[in-house]
Amino acid sequence: MSEIPLNKFEKRDLILRLLKEGKTYREICHIAHVSPREIKPIAKEYERKKRLENKKEEKDNQSTQIKKLSLSSRAFKLFIDGKKPTEVVIELDIPPEKVEKLWSQFLKSERMEECYDFFQMCQYYIPTFLTIDNFMKRNNISGPDIANVLRKANSVINLNQTILNLKGEIEKLKQNKNNYSLNQNTMKIYYLPPLGPLPRYYNW
């Protein structure tokens, strides 16, 4: 008695079952009476679904593990993954003040608290600092070099102030000199030098 041929759906289910059992293409061809060309698209779809299921299972396991962690550990993991504090606020559904405190603790644990303190103090000057950094990179200037430039610039500012002060002193001295000369001329007018002895014809 001959076997009843399988329809395409039954054949597909059989191939999937054999793939799950780990059978090779040659074994499947012999059992299901199909060619490798028929197996290939079904195997490709089976492998794709298998990868998606594995990824989903892995993600679910990670989520379960993360939920078991403390709040600070969950936040730290998100920071390590590159999440911004704003994203952590949303994902963990906690107040921004709490995230800011956790962010500070995370940076301290990573020995980057100085960076955070710098940002807190100079956050409004960040665009200027970035401009300086780009200038240094374009001109191949090192950190010590720019520090020397800034020190010299500070010396130049002090020197300019000294020059302005000296100019002011010079103007005062000039004014005093002019006032002194004017006073001397006035004294000459009002205080004439004494005359010598009068001529004989003045002796009466």
N, C-alpha and C. Protein backbone atom coordinates (compact mmCIF):
# COMPACT_ATOMS: atom_id res chain seq x y z
N MET A 1 0.86 -1.20 0.00
CA MET A 1 0.00 0.00 0.00
C MET A 1 0.89 1.24 0.00
N SER A 2 0.68 2.12 -0.98
CA SER A 2 1.52 3.32 -1.10
C SER A 2 1.13 4.37 -0.07
N GLU A 3 2.13 5.18 0.32
CA GLU A 3 1.88 6.25 1.30
C GLU A 3 1.11 7.40 0.65
N ILE A 4 0.24 8.02 1.46
CA ILE A 4 -0.50 9.17 0.96
C ILE A 4 0.42 10.38 0.99
N PRO A 5 0.60 11.10 -0.14
CA PRO A 5 1.50 12.25 -0.16
C PRO A 5 1.00 13.37 0.76
N LEU A 6 1.95 14.05 1.37
CA LEU A 6 1.60 15.16 2.27
C LEU A 6 1.34 16.43 1.47
N ASN A 7 0.39 17.22 1.96
CA ASN A 7 0.19 18.52 1.32
C ASN A 7 1.30 19.49 1.79
N LYS A 8 1.32 20.68 1.23
CA LYS A 8 2.44 21.60 1.51
C LYS A 8 2.49 22.03 2.97
N PHE A 9 1.32 22.11 3.62
CA PHE A 9 1.31 22.54 5.02
C PHE A 9 1.85 21.42 5.93
N GLU A 10 1.40 20.20 5.64
CA GLU A 10 1.88 19.06 6.42
C GLU A 10 3.39 18.85 6.20
N LYS A 11 3.80 19.05 4.94
CA LYS A 11 5.22 18.90 4.63
C LYS A 11 6.05 19.94 5.37
N ARG A 12 5.52 21.19 5.44
CA ARG A 12 6.23 22.27 6.14
C ARG A 12 6.34 21.97 7.62
N ASP A 13 5.24 21.48 8.23
CA ASP A 13 5.26 21.14 9.66
C ASP A 13 6.25 20.01 9.93
N LEU A 14 6.33 19.05 9.02
CA LEU A 14 7.25 17.94 9.20
C LEU A 14 8.70 18.42 9.13
N ILE A 15 8.97 19.27 8.18
CA ILE A 15 10.33 19.81 8.04
C ILE A 15 10.72 20.59 9.29
N LEU A 16 9.79 21.44 9.81
CA LEU A 16 10.07 22.20 11.03
C LEU A 16 10.36 21.28 12.20
N ARG A 17 9.56 20.20 12.33
CA ARG A 17 9.75 19.27 13.44
C ARG A 17 11.11 18.60 13.34
N LEU A 18 11.50 18.24 12.13
CA LEU A 18 12.79 17.59 11.93
C LEU A 18 13.95 18.56 12.19
N LEU A 19 13.74 19.83 11.81
CA LEU A 19 14.77 20.84 12.10
C LEU A 19 14.96 21.02 13.60
N LYS A 20 13.83 21.07 14.33
CA LYS A 20 13.90 21.21 15.79
C LYS A 20 14.60 20.02 16.42
N GLU A 21 14.45 18.84 15.81
CA GLU A 21 15.10 17.65 16.33
C GLU A 21 16.59 17.61 15.99
N GLY A 22 17.02 18.57 15.15
CA GLY A 22 18.44 18.64 14.82
C GLY A 22 18.85 17.80 13.64
N LYS A 23 17.90 17.41 12.81
CA LYS A 23 18.22 16.58 11.65
C LYS A 23 18.96 17.39 10.60
N THR A 24 19.80 16.72 9.83
CA THR A 24 20.52 17.38 8.75
C THR A 24 19.63 17.49 7.51
N TYR A 25 20.10 18.29 6.54
CA TYR A 25 19.35 18.43 5.29
C TYR A 25 19.18 17.07 4.60
N ARG A 26 20.24 16.26 4.60
CA ARG A 26 20.17 14.95 3.93
C ARG A 26 19.14 14.05 4.59
N GLU A 27 19.11 14.08 5.92
CA GLU A 27 18.14 13.24 6.65
C GLU A 27 16.71 13.73 6.38
N ILE A 28 16.53 15.05 6.35
CA ILE A 28 15.19 15.59 6.12
C ILE A 28 14.72 15.25 4.71
N CYS A 29 15.63 15.36 3.74
CA CYS A 29 15.29 15.01 2.35
C CYS A 29 14.82 13.56 2.25
N HIS A 30 15.50 12.69 2.97
CA HIS A 30 15.15 11.26 2.92
C HIS A 30 13.82 10.98 3.62
N ILE A 31 13.59 11.64 4.78
CA ILE A 31 12.37 11.37 5.55
C ILE A 31 11.15 12.02 4.92
N ALA A 32 11.26 13.31 4.55
CA ALA A 32 10.11 14.06 4.06
C ALA A 32 9.95 13.99 2.55
N HIS A 33 10.92 13.35 1.88
CA HIS A 33 10.87 13.25 0.42
C HIS A 33 10.79 14.64 -0.22
N VAL A 34 11.71 15.49 0.17
CA VAL A 34 11.79 16.86 -0.38
C VAL A 34 13.23 17.12 -0.81
N SER A 35 13.39 18.19 -1.60
CA SER A 35 14.73 18.58 -2.05
C SER A 35 15.30 19.64 -1.09
N PRO A 36 16.62 19.81 -1.07
CA PRO A 36 17.22 20.85 -0.22
C PRO A 36 16.68 22.25 -0.52
N ARG A 37 16.31 22.47 -1.79
CA ARG A 37 15.77 23.78 -2.17
C ARG A 37 14.47 24.07 -1.44
N GLU A 38 13.69 23.05 -1.15
CA GLU A 38 12.43 23.22 -0.42
C GLU A 38 12.69 23.44 1.07
N ILE A 39 13.76 22.85 1.55
CA ILE A 39 14.07 22.96 2.98
C ILE A 39 14.62 24.35 3.33
N LYS A 40 15.43 24.91 2.45
CA LYS A 40 16.20 26.13 2.74
C LYS A 40 15.34 27.29 3.22
N PRO A 41 14.25 27.73 2.52
CA PRO A 41 13.47 28.87 3.01
C PRO A 41 12.79 28.60 4.35
N ILE A 42 12.36 27.33 4.56
CA ILE A 42 11.71 26.98 5.84
C ILE A 42 12.74 27.02 6.96
N ALA A 43 13.95 26.49 6.69
CA ALA A 43 15.01 26.51 7.69
C ALA A 43 15.43 27.95 8.01
N LYS A 44 15.48 28.81 6.98
CA LYS A 44 15.87 30.20 7.18
C LYS A 44 14.87 30.93 8.07
N GLU A 45 13.59 30.71 7.83
CA GLU A 45 12.55 31.33 8.64
C GLU A 45 12.57 30.79 10.07
N TYR A 46 12.84 29.48 10.18
CA TYR A 46 12.92 28.85 11.50
C TYR A 46 14.08 29.44 12.31
N GLU A 47 15.24 29.63 11.68
CA GLU A 47 16.41 30.20 12.37
C GLU A 47 16.15 31.65 12.79
N ARG A 48 15.46 32.41 11.93
CA ARG A 48 15.15 33.80 12.26
C ARG A 48 14.25 33.89 13.49
N LYS A 49 13.19 33.09 13.52
CA LYS A 49 12.29 33.07 14.66
C LYS A 49 13.00 32.60 15.93
N LYS A 50 13.90 31.64 15.74
CA LYS A 50 14.65 31.13 16.89
C LYS A 50 15.54 32.22 17.49
N ARG A 51 16.19 33.01 16.63
CA ARG A 51 17.03 34.11 17.12
C ARG A 51 16.20 35.16 17.84
N LEU A 52 15.03 35.49 17.29
CA LEU A 52 14.16 36.48 17.93
C LEU A 52 13.68 36.00 19.30
N GLU A 53 13.33 34.72 19.37
CA GLU A 53 12.88 34.15 20.64
C GLU A 53 14.00 34.17 21.68
N ASN A 54 15.22 33.86 21.23
CA ASN A 54 16.36 33.87 22.15
C ASN A 54 16.65 35.27 22.66
N LYS A 55 16.57 36.24 21.76
CA LYS A 55 16.79 37.63 22.16
C LYS A 55 15.74 38.09 23.15
N LYS A 56 14.49 37.74 22.88
CA LYS A 56 13.40 38.12 23.78
C LYS A 56 13.58 37.48 25.14
N GLU A 57 13.96 36.21 25.13
CA GLU A 57 14.17 35.50 26.39
C GLU A 57 15.34 36.12 27.17
N GLU A 58 16.39 36.46 26.45
CA GLU A 58 17.56 37.07 27.09
C GLU A 58 17.19 38.44 27.68
N LYS A 59 16.42 39.23 26.92
CA LYS A 59 16.00 40.53 27.39
C LYS A 59 15.10 40.42 28.61
N ASP A 60 14.19 39.44 28.59
CA ASP A 60 13.30 39.23 29.73
C ASP A 60 14.10 38.83 30.98
N ASN A 61 15.11 38.00 30.77
CA ASN A 61 15.96 37.60 31.91
C ASN A 61 16.71 38.78 32.48
N GLN A 62 17.23 39.64 31.58
CA GLN A 62 17.94 40.83 32.04
C GLN A 62 17.01 41.76 32.81
N SER A 63 15.80 41.94 32.28
CA SER A 63 14.82 42.81 32.96
C SER A 63 14.49 42.27 34.34
N THR A 64 14.34 40.94 34.42
CA THR A 64 14.04 40.33 35.71
C THR A 64 15.18 40.52 36.70
N GLN A 65 16.42 40.38 36.19
CA GLN A 65 17.58 40.57 37.05
C GLN A 65 17.72 42.01 37.50
N ILE A 66 17.45 42.94 36.59
CA ILE A 66 17.56 44.37 36.92
C ILE A 66 16.53 44.76 37.97
N LYS A 67 15.32 44.23 37.85
CA LYS A 67 14.26 44.55 38.80
C LYS A 67 14.61 44.06 40.20
N LYS A 68 15.44 43.03 40.28
CA LYS A 68 15.82 42.52 41.58
C LYS A 68 16.90 43.39 42.23
N LEU A 69 17.56 44.25 41.45
CA LEU A 69 18.61 45.11 41.98
C LEU A 69 18.02 46.27 42.75
N SER A 70 18.86 46.91 43.58
CA SER A 70 18.42 48.10 44.31
C SER A 70 18.27 49.27 43.33
N LEU A 71 17.64 50.32 43.80
CA LEU A 71 17.41 51.49 42.95
C LEU A 71 18.72 52.09 42.47
N SER A 72 19.68 52.22 43.37
CA SER A 72 20.97 52.81 42.99
C SER A 72 21.69 51.93 41.98
N SER A 73 21.63 50.61 42.16
CA SER A 73 22.29 49.70 41.23
C SER A 73 21.65 49.77 39.85
N ARG A 74 20.32 49.86 39.83
CA ARG A 74 19.62 49.98 38.54
C ARG A 74 20.00 51.27 37.84
N ALA A 75 20.07 52.36 38.62
CA ALA A 75 20.46 53.65 38.03
C ALA A 75 21.90 53.60 37.52
N PHE A 76 22.80 53.01 38.31
CA PHE A 76 24.20 52.91 37.90
C PHE A 76 24.34 52.12 36.60
N LYS A 77 23.56 51.04 36.48
CA LYS A 77 23.63 50.23 35.27
C LYS A 77 23.18 51.04 34.06
N LEU A 78 22.15 51.85 34.25
CA LEU A 78 21.67 52.69 33.15
C LEU A 78 22.71 53.73 32.77
N PHE A 79 23.39 54.30 33.78
CA PHE A 79 24.45 55.27 33.50
C PHE A 79 25.60 54.60 32.73
N ILE A 80 25.94 53.39 33.12
CA ILE A 80 27.00 52.65 32.42
C ILE A 80 26.60 52.38 30.98
N ASP A 81 25.33 52.12 30.75
CA ASP A 81 24.82 51.86 29.40
C ASP A 81 24.74 53.13 28.56
N GLY A 82 25.10 54.28 29.15
CA GLY A 82 25.11 55.53 28.40
C GLY A 82 23.83 56.34 28.48
N LYS A 83 22.94 55.96 29.40
CA LYS A 83 21.69 56.70 29.54
C LYS A 83 21.96 58.06 30.21
N LYS A 84 21.26 59.07 29.74
CA LYS A 84 21.36 60.40 30.35
C LYS A 84 20.48 60.45 31.61
N PRO A 85 20.82 61.37 32.53
CA PRO A 85 20.00 61.48 33.75
C PRO A 85 18.52 61.67 33.46
N THR A 86 18.19 62.45 32.41
CA THR A 86 16.78 62.65 32.06
C THR A 86 16.12 61.34 31.67
N GLU A 87 16.85 60.50 30.92
CA GLU A 87 16.31 59.20 30.51
C GLU A 87 16.14 58.28 31.71
N VAL A 88 17.05 58.40 32.68
CA VAL A 88 16.94 57.58 33.90
C VAL A 88 15.72 58.00 34.71
N VAL A 89 15.46 59.31 34.76
CA VAL A 89 14.26 59.80 35.46
C VAL A 89 13.01 59.14 34.89
N ILE A 90 12.96 59.08 33.56
CA ILE A 90 11.78 58.52 32.89
C ILE A 90 11.70 57.01 33.08
N GLU A 91 12.85 56.33 32.89
CA GLU A 91 12.84 54.87 32.93
C GLU A 91 12.57 54.32 34.33
N LEU A 92 13.14 54.97 35.35
CA LEU A 92 12.95 54.49 36.72
C LEU A 92 11.77 55.17 37.41
N ASP A 93 11.23 56.22 36.77
CA ASP A 93 10.08 56.94 37.32
C ASP A 93 10.37 57.45 38.74
N ILE A 94 11.48 58.18 38.86
CA ILE A 94 11.85 58.76 40.15
C ILE A 94 12.14 60.25 39.96
N PRO A 95 12.09 61.05 41.04
CA PRO A 95 12.28 62.51 40.91
C PRO A 95 13.67 62.87 40.37
N PRO A 96 13.77 63.98 39.62
CA PRO A 96 15.07 64.42 39.09
C PRO A 96 16.11 64.65 40.18
N GLU A 97 15.66 65.14 41.35
CA GLU A 97 16.61 65.40 42.45
C GLU A 97 17.28 64.10 42.89
N LYS A 98 16.51 63.03 42.90
CA LYS A 98 17.05 61.73 43.30
C LYS A 98 18.06 61.23 42.26
N VAL A 99 17.72 61.42 40.99
CA VAL A 99 18.62 60.98 39.92
C VAL A 99 19.91 61.80 39.94
N GLU A 100 19.79 63.10 40.23
CA GLU A 100 20.98 63.95 40.29
C GLU A 100 21.92 63.47 41.40
N LYS A 101 21.34 63.09 42.53
CA LYS A 101 22.15 62.58 43.64
C LYS A 101 22.81 61.25 43.24
N LEU A 102 22.06 60.38 42.59
CA LEU A 102 22.61 59.10 42.13
C LEU A 102 23.69 59.31 41.08
N TRP A 103 23.47 60.29 40.22
CA TRP A 103 24.45 60.62 39.18
C TRP A 103 25.77 61.08 39.81
N SER A 104 25.66 61.91 40.84
CA SER A 104 26.85 62.39 41.55
C SER A 104 27.58 61.21 42.20
N GLN A 105 26.83 60.30 42.83
CA GLN A 105 27.43 59.13 43.46
C GLN A 105 28.10 58.23 42.43
N PHE A 106 27.45 58.10 41.28
CA PHE A 106 28.03 57.28 40.21
C PHE A 106 29.36 57.85 39.73
N LEU A 107 29.41 59.16 39.54
CA LEU A 107 30.64 59.80 39.09
C LEU A 107 31.76 59.65 40.12
N LYS A 108 31.39 59.77 41.40
CA LYS A 108 32.39 59.58 42.45
C LYS A 108 32.92 58.16 42.45
N SER A 109 32.04 57.20 42.22
CA SER A 109 32.48 55.82 42.17
C SER A 109 33.39 55.57 40.97
N GLU A 110 33.19 56.36 39.90
CA GLU A 110 34.03 56.25 38.72
C GLU A 110 35.21 57.21 38.77
N ARG A 111 35.38 57.88 39.92
CA ARG A 111 36.46 58.86 40.11
C ARG A 111 36.37 60.00 39.09
N MET A 112 35.15 60.44 38.84
CA MET A 112 34.93 61.55 37.91
C MET A 112 34.17 62.68 38.58
N GLU A 113 34.22 62.72 39.94
CA GLU A 113 33.45 63.75 40.64
C GLU A 113 33.95 65.16 40.31
N GLU A 114 35.26 65.28 39.98
CA GLU A 114 35.79 66.59 39.63
C GLU A 114 35.15 67.12 38.35
N CYS A 115 34.89 66.19 37.42
CA CYS A 115 34.21 66.59 36.18
C CYS A 115 32.82 67.11 36.47
N TYR A 116 32.13 66.44 37.39
CA TYR A 116 30.77 66.86 37.74
C TYR A 116 30.80 68.21 38.44
N ASP A 117 31.74 68.40 39.37
CA ASP A 117 31.85 69.68 40.06
C ASP A 117 32.19 70.80 39.07
N PHE A 118 33.07 70.47 38.12
CA PHE A 118 33.42 71.46 37.09
C PHE A 118 32.20 71.84 36.27
N PHE A 119 31.39 70.84 35.91
CA PHE A 119 30.18 71.11 35.14
C PHE A 119 29.21 71.97 35.93
N GLN A 120 29.07 71.67 37.22
CA GLN A 120 28.16 72.45 38.05
C GLN A 120 28.58 73.92 38.10
N MET A 121 29.88 74.18 38.16
CA MET A 121 30.37 75.55 38.27
C MET A 121 30.42 76.26 36.92
N CYS A 122 30.73 75.52 35.86
CA CYS A 122 31.03 76.17 34.57
C CYS A 122 30.10 75.73 33.44
N GLN A 123 28.92 75.25 33.78
CA GLN A 123 28.06 74.70 32.74
C GLN A 123 27.67 75.74 31.68
N TYR A 124 27.58 77.03 32.09
CA TYR A 124 27.19 78.06 31.13
C TYR A 124 28.35 78.48 30.22
N TYR A 125 29.58 78.07 30.58
CA TYR A 125 30.74 78.42 29.77
C TYR A 125 31.20 77.25 28.90
N ILE A 126 30.45 76.15 28.93
CA ILE A 126 30.85 74.97 28.17
C ILE A 126 31.05 75.28 26.68
N PRO A 127 30.13 76.04 26.01
CA PRO A 127 30.38 76.34 24.58
C PRO A 127 31.70 77.05 24.34
N THR A 128 32.07 77.97 25.24
CA THR A 128 33.35 78.67 25.09
C THR A 128 34.52 77.71 25.24
N PHE A 129 34.43 76.82 26.25
CA PHE A 129 35.50 75.84 26.46
C PHE A 129 35.62 74.90 25.26
N LEU A 130 34.49 74.54 24.66
CA LEU A 130 34.52 73.67 23.50
C LEU A 130 35.17 74.37 22.31
N THR A 131 34.92 75.68 22.18
CA THR A 131 35.56 76.46 21.12
C THR A 131 37.07 76.47 21.31
N ILE A 132 37.51 76.67 22.56
CA ILE A 132 38.96 76.65 22.85
C ILE A 132 39.54 75.27 22.55
N ASP A 133 38.80 74.23 22.92
CA ASP A 133 39.27 72.86 22.66
C ASP A 133 39.42 72.60 21.17
N ASN A 134 38.44 73.05 20.38
CA ASN A 134 38.52 72.87 18.93
C ASN A 134 39.71 73.63 18.35
N PHE A 135 39.95 74.84 18.87
CA PHE A 135 41.09 75.64 18.42
C PHE A 135 42.41 74.92 18.72
N MET A 136 42.50 74.33 19.93
CA MET A 136 43.71 73.61 20.32
C MET A 136 43.93 72.40 19.42
N LYS A 137 42.86 71.69 19.08
CA LYS A 137 43.00 70.50 18.23
C LYS A 137 43.41 70.90 16.82
N ARG A 138 42.79 71.95 16.29
CA ARG A 138 43.12 72.37 14.92
C ARG A 138 44.56 72.84 14.80
N ASN A 139 45.07 73.48 15.85
CA ASN A 139 46.42 74.04 15.81
C ASN A 139 47.45 73.19 16.56
N ASN A 140 47.04 71.99 16.96
CA ASN A 140 47.95 71.04 17.62
C ASN A 140 48.62 71.68 18.85
N ILE A 141 47.80 72.31 19.69
CA ILE A 141 48.29 72.97 20.90
C ILE A 141 48.01 72.07 22.10
N SER A 142 49.00 71.88 22.94
CA SER A 142 48.83 71.02 24.11
C SER A 142 48.26 71.82 25.28
N GLY A 143 47.84 71.10 26.31
CA GLY A 143 47.29 71.74 27.50
C GLY A 143 48.27 72.67 28.18
N PRO A 144 49.54 72.22 28.44
CA PRO A 144 50.52 73.13 29.07
C PRO A 144 50.77 74.39 28.24
N ASP A 145 50.74 74.25 26.91
CA ASP A 145 50.96 75.42 26.05
C ASP A 145 49.86 76.45 26.25
N ILE A 146 48.61 76.01 26.27
CA ILE A 146 47.51 76.96 26.43
C ILE A 146 47.54 77.56 27.82
N ALA A 147 48.01 76.79 28.82
CA ALA A 147 48.12 77.33 30.18
C ALA A 147 49.16 78.45 30.21
N ASN A 148 50.29 78.26 29.51
CA ASN A 148 51.31 79.31 29.44
C ASN A 148 50.77 80.55 28.73
N VAL A 149 49.99 80.32 27.68
CA VAL A 149 49.40 81.46 26.95
C VAL A 149 48.49 82.26 27.87
N LEU A 150 47.68 81.56 28.66
CA LEU A 150 46.76 82.25 29.57
C LEU A 150 47.51 83.00 30.65
N ARG A 151 48.61 82.40 31.15
CA ARG A 151 49.41 83.09 32.16
C ARG A 151 50.03 84.36 31.58
N LYS A 152 50.52 84.26 30.34
CA LYS A 152 51.10 85.44 29.70
C LYS A 152 50.04 86.49 29.42
N ALA A 153 48.85 86.01 29.04
CA ALA A 153 47.76 86.95 28.80
C ALA A 153 47.41 87.70 30.07
N ASN A 154 47.42 86.99 31.20
CA ASN A 154 47.15 87.64 32.47
C ASN A 154 48.24 88.67 32.79
N SER A 155 49.51 88.33 32.46
CA SER A 155 50.61 89.27 32.67
C SER A 155 50.44 90.49 31.79
N VAL A 156 49.98 90.28 30.56
CA VAL A 156 49.76 91.40 29.63
C VAL A 156 48.67 92.31 30.15
N ILE A 157 47.61 91.71 30.70
CA ILE A 157 46.53 92.53 31.26
C ILE A 157 47.05 93.38 32.41
N ASN A 158 47.85 92.76 33.29
CA ASN A 158 48.43 93.52 34.41
C ASN A 158 49.38 94.60 33.91
N LEU A 159 50.15 94.27 32.86
CA LEU A 159 51.07 95.24 32.29
C LEU A 159 50.32 96.42 31.68
N ASN A 160 49.24 96.11 30.98
CA ASN A 160 48.43 97.19 30.40
C ASN A 160 47.86 98.10 31.49
N GLN A 161 47.43 97.49 32.59
CA GLN A 161 46.90 98.29 33.69
C GLN A 161 48.00 99.17 34.29
N THR A 162 49.22 98.61 34.40
CA THR A 162 50.35 99.39 34.91
C THR A 162 50.67 100.56 33.99
N ILE A 163 50.61 100.31 32.68
CA ILE A 163 50.86 101.37 31.71
C ILE A 163 49.83 102.49 31.85
N LEU A 164 48.55 102.08 31.99
CA LEU A 164 47.50 103.08 32.16
C LEU A 164 47.72 103.90 33.43
N ASN A 165 48.13 103.22 34.51
CA ASN A 165 48.39 103.94 35.76
C ASN A 165 49.54 104.93 35.60
N LEU A 166 50.60 104.50 34.90
CA LEU A 166 51.75 105.38 34.68
C LEU A 166 51.37 106.57 33.80
N LYS A 167 50.56 106.32 32.79
CA LYS A 167 50.12 107.43 31.95
C LYS A 167 49.32 108.44 32.76
N GLY A 168 48.50 107.94 33.68
CA GLY A 168 47.73 108.83 34.53
C GLY A 168 48.65 109.66 35.42
N GLU A 169 49.69 109.01 35.96
CA GLU A 169 50.64 109.73 36.81
C GLU A 169 51.38 110.80 36.00
N ILE A 170 51.75 110.45 34.76
CA ILE A 170 52.45 111.41 33.90
C ILE A 170 51.58 112.63 33.62
N GLU A 171 50.30 112.39 33.35
CA GLU A 171 49.38 113.51 33.10
C GLU A 171 49.25 114.40 34.32
N LYS A 172 49.23 113.78 35.50
CA LYS A 172 49.15 114.58 36.73
C LYS A 172 50.40 115.43 36.90
N LEU A 173 51.58 114.83 36.62
CA LEU A 173 52.83 115.57 36.74
C LEU A 173 52.89 116.73 35.74
N LYS A 174 52.40 116.47 34.52
CA LYS A 174 52.36 117.55 33.52
C LYS A 174 51.45 118.69 33.99
N GLN A 175 50.32 118.32 34.54
CA GLN A 175 49.38 119.33 35.03
C GLN A 175 50.00 120.12 36.18
N ASN A 176 50.68 119.42 37.07
CA ASN A 176 51.36 120.11 38.18
C ASN A 176 52.44 121.05 37.66
N LYS A 177 53.17 120.61 36.63
CA LYS A 177 54.22 121.45 36.04
C LYS A 177 53.62 122.70 35.42
N ASN A 178 52.53 122.53 34.69
CA ASN A 178 51.87 123.69 34.08
C ASN A 178 51.36 124.66 35.14
N ASN A 179 50.78 124.08 36.20
CA ASN A 179 50.29 124.94 37.28
C ASN A 179 51.44 125.69 37.95
N TYR A 180 52.57 125.01 38.12
CA TYR A 180 53.73 125.64 38.74
C TYR A 180 54.27 126.78 37.86
N SER A 181 54.36 126.53 36.54
CA SER A 181 54.83 127.56 35.62
C SER A 181 53.91 128.77 35.62
N LEU A 182 52.62 128.52 35.66
CA LEU A 182 51.64 129.61 35.68
C LEU A 182 51.77 130.42 36.96
N ASN A 183 51.99 129.77 38.07
CA ASN A 183 52.17 130.47 39.34
C ASN A 183 53.44 131.31 39.34
N GLN A 184 54.49 130.78 38.74
CA GLN A 184 55.76 131.52 38.67
C GLN A 184 55.59 132.80 37.85
N ASN A 185 54.88 132.70 36.72
CA ASN A 185 54.65 133.89 35.89
C ASN A 185 53.82 134.92 36.64
N THR A 186 52.84 134.46 37.39
CA THR A 186 51.99 135.39 38.15
C THR A 186 52.80 136.09 39.23
N MET A 187 53.70 135.38 39.88
CA MET A 187 54.54 135.97 40.92
C MET A 187 55.47 137.01 40.33
N LYS A 188 55.94 136.80 39.11
CA LYS A 188 56.82 137.78 38.47
C LYS A 188 56.10 139.10 38.23
N ILE A 189 54.80 139.00 37.93
CA ILE A 189 54.02 140.22 37.67
C ILE A 189 53.81 141.00 38.95
N TYR A 190 53.46 140.35 40.01
CA TYR A 190 53.10 141.03 41.26
C TYR A 190 54.30 141.31 42.15
N TYR A 191 55.35 140.60 41.99
CA TYR A 191 56.53 140.79 42.82
C TYR A 191 57.72 141.13 41.94
N LEU A 192 57.82 142.45 41.53
CA LEU A 192 58.92 142.90 40.70
C LEU A 192 60.20 142.92 41.52
N PRO A 193 61.31 142.71 40.90
CA PRO A 193 62.57 142.75 41.65
C PRO A 193 62.89 144.18 42.10
N PRO A 194 63.56 144.40 43.22
CA PRO A 194 63.86 145.76 43.72
C PRO A 194 64.75 146.52 42.75
N LEU A 195 64.45 147.83 42.62
CA LEU A 195 65.23 148.67 41.73
C LEU A 195 66.56 149.03 42.36
N GLY A 196 67.56 149.40 41.54
CA GLY A 196 68.86 149.81 42.05
C GLY A 196 68.79 151.25 42.59
N PRO A 197 69.91 151.87 42.95
CA PRO A 197 69.90 153.26 43.48
C PRO A 197 69.41 154.24 42.44
N LEU A 198 68.66 155.24 42.88
CA LEU A 198 68.11 156.23 41.97
C LEU A 198 69.24 157.12 41.40
N PRO A 199 69.08 157.65 40.17
CA PRO A 199 70.07 158.60 39.61
C PRO A 199 70.20 159.85 40.48
N ARG A 200 71.33 160.61 40.30
CA ARG A 200 71.59 161.80 41.09
C ARG A 200 70.53 162.87 40.95
N TYR A 201 69.95 162.94 39.71
CA TYR A 201 68.96 164.00 39.54
C TYR A 201 67.71 163.72 40.31
N TYR A 202 67.60 162.58 40.91
CA TYR A 202 66.45 162.34 41.78
C TYR A 202 66.74 162.78 43.19
N ASN A 203 68.03 163.08 43.48
CA ASN A 203 68.34 163.54 44.84
C ASN A 203 68.04 165.04 44.95
N TRP A 204 67.09 165.40 45.64
CA TRP A 204 66.68 166.81 45.79
C TRP A 204 67.42 167.46 46.93
